[in-house]
C-alpha cells in the first residue's frame, strides 16, 4: 500500500521503518520482561528475557493468533481492573462512578 501511494522509494523506506519498529518493540518487551521476571522469580535478567521471548514465541507459533488474542484480552482486562482499583483506592468511589468504559466512550465521542 505504501508503495502505491509513495512510489518505490517511499515503499522501501516505509518497509524499513516498519521492520525497525517491530525489532525495537521486540527488544523493549524482552528487556523489560526480563527485569520483571527477575524481580518475581529471581532469575538473571538476560535469562528471564529469553524465557519470556521463548514463551510468547511458542504462544504465537504453536497455539496461533486466537490463543494470543485470548491471552492479550485477559492481560488487558486484568490491567484495567488493577487501574480501576487503584483509582477507587486513591479517589474513592464517589469520584470514579462516571469513569467506566461505556461512559468514557460516550464522552470521547462527544455524546451527552
Protein backbone atom coordinates (compact mmCIF):
# COMPACT_ATOMS: atom_id res chain seq x y z
CA UNK A 1 0.00 0.00 0.00
CA UNK A 2 2.82 2.40 0.83
CA UNK A 3 4.44 1.63 -2.49
CA UNK A 4 1.23 2.51 -4.35
CA UNK A 5 0.90 5.88 -2.65
CA UNK A 6 4.57 6.81 -2.08
CA UNK A 7 6.28 5.10 -5.00
CA UNK A 8 9.13 2.59 -4.96
CA UNK A 9 11.45 4.60 -2.71
CA UNK A 10 8.65 5.52 -0.32
CA UNK A 11 7.56 1.90 -0.08
CA UNK A 12 11.12 0.78 0.66
CA UNK A 13 11.54 3.44 3.35
CA UNK A 14 8.18 2.52 4.91
CA UNK A 15 9.17 -1.16 4.94
CA UNK A 16 12.50 -0.43 6.63
CA UNK A 17 10.76 1.80 9.19
CA UNK A 18 8.15 -0.88 9.90
CA UNK A 19 10.79 -3.60 10.34
CA UNK A 20 12.80 -1.31 12.62
CA UNK A 21 9.69 -0.61 14.71
CA UNK A 22 8.98 -4.33 15.03
CA UNK A 23 12.51 -5.20 16.10
CA UNK A 24 12.78 -2.31 18.53
CA UNK A 25 9.44 -3.26 20.12
CA UNK A 26 10.58 -6.86 20.45
CA UNK A 27 13.82 -5.79 22.14
CA UNK A 28 11.97 -3.44 24.50
CA UNK A 29 9.47 -6.13 25.53
CA UNK A 30 12.22 -8.70 26.03
CA UNK A 31 14.35 -6.37 28.14
CA UNK A 32 11.53 -5.12 30.35
CA UNK A 33 10.02 -8.57 30.79
CA UNK A 34 13.45 -9.82 31.80
CA UNK A 35 13.58 -7.19 34.54
CA UNK A 36 10.07 -8.01 35.75
CA UNK A 37 10.66 -11.76 35.80
CA UNK A 38 13.98 -11.16 37.56
CA UNK A 39 12.11 -9.42 40.37
CA UNK A 40 9.40 -12.10 40.51
CA UNK A 41 11.37 -15.35 40.25
CA UNK A 42 14.93 -14.15 40.85
CA UNK A 43 16.43 -15.41 37.59
CA UNK A 44 19.09 -13.26 35.93
CA UNK A 45 17.53 -10.65 33.64
CA UNK A 46 19.04 -11.99 30.36
CA UNK A 47 17.73 -15.48 31.09
CA UNK A 48 14.33 -14.13 32.13
CA UNK A 49 14.06 -12.08 28.93
CA UNK A 50 14.97 -15.12 26.85
CA UNK A 51 12.40 -17.21 28.75
CA UNK A 52 9.69 -14.59 28.17
CA UNK A 53 10.53 -14.35 24.47
CA UNK A 54 10.52 -18.14 24.06
CA UNK A 55 7.20 -18.44 25.88
CA UNK A 56 5.42 -15.89 23.72
CA UNK A 57 7.07 -17.17 20.56
CA UNK A 58 5.60 -20.58 21.33
CA UNK A 59 2.25 -18.99 22.13
CA UNK A 60 2.04 -17.36 18.71
CA UNK A 61 3.66 -20.08 16.61
CA UNK A 62 2.13 -23.18 18.22
CA UNK A 63 -1.26 -22.09 19.51
CA UNK A 64 -1.92 -19.38 16.91
CA UNK A 65 -3.42 -15.95 16.87
CA UNK A 66 -6.70 -16.88 18.58
CA UNK A 67 -4.87 -18.06 21.69
CA UNK A 68 -2.65 -15.00 21.55
CA UNK A 69 -5.74 -12.79 21.32
CA UNK A 70 -7.32 -14.51 24.32
CA UNK A 71 -4.15 -14.10 26.40
CA UNK A 72 -3.93 -10.44 25.37
CA UNK A 73 -7.59 -9.82 26.29
CA UNK A 74 -7.02 -11.47 29.68
CA UNK A 75 -3.96 -9.32 30.38
CA UNK A 76 -5.71 -6.11 29.29
CA UNK A 77 -8.75 -6.97 31.41
CA UNK A 78 -6.61 -7.56 34.48
CA UNK A 79 -4.69 -4.34 33.84
CA UNK A 80 -7.97 -2.42 33.54
CA UNK A 81 -9.22 -3.92 36.82
CA UNK A 82 -5.95 -3.06 38.55
CA UNK A 83 -6.02 0.54 37.30
CA UNK A 84 -9.68 0.94 38.21
CA UNK A 85 -8.99 -0.49 41.67
CA UNK A 86 -6.10 1.93 42.17
CA UNK A 87 -8.37 4.83 41.20
CA UNK A 88 -11.02 3.64 43.64
CA UNK A 89 -8.48 3.41 46.44
CA UNK A 90 -6.99 6.77 45.59
CA UNK A 91 -10.06 8.89 44.91
CA UNK A 92 -12.94 6.88 46.37
CA UNK A 93 -15.96 5.57 44.52
CA UNK A 94 -17.77 8.93 44.63
CA UNK A 95 -15.48 10.46 42.00
CA UNK A 96 -15.00 7.37 39.84
CA UNK A 97 -18.62 6.45 39.07
CA UNK A 98 -18.54 8.24 35.71
CA UNK A 99 -15.25 6.74 34.58
CA UNK A 100 -16.28 3.29 33.43
CA UNK A 101 -15.62 2.42 29.76
CA UNK A 102 -19.11 3.00 28.25
CA UNK A 103 -19.41 6.46 29.83
CA UNK A 104 -15.88 7.34 28.88
CA UNK A 105 -16.53 6.22 25.31
CA UNK A 106 -19.62 8.43 25.08
CA UNK A 107 -17.64 11.39 26.42
CA UNK A 108 -14.87 10.81 23.87
CA UNK A 109 -17.40 10.54 21.04
CA UNK A 110 -18.98 13.85 22.04
CA UNK A 111 -22.34 12.50 23.23
CA UNK A 112 -24.01 13.94 26.28
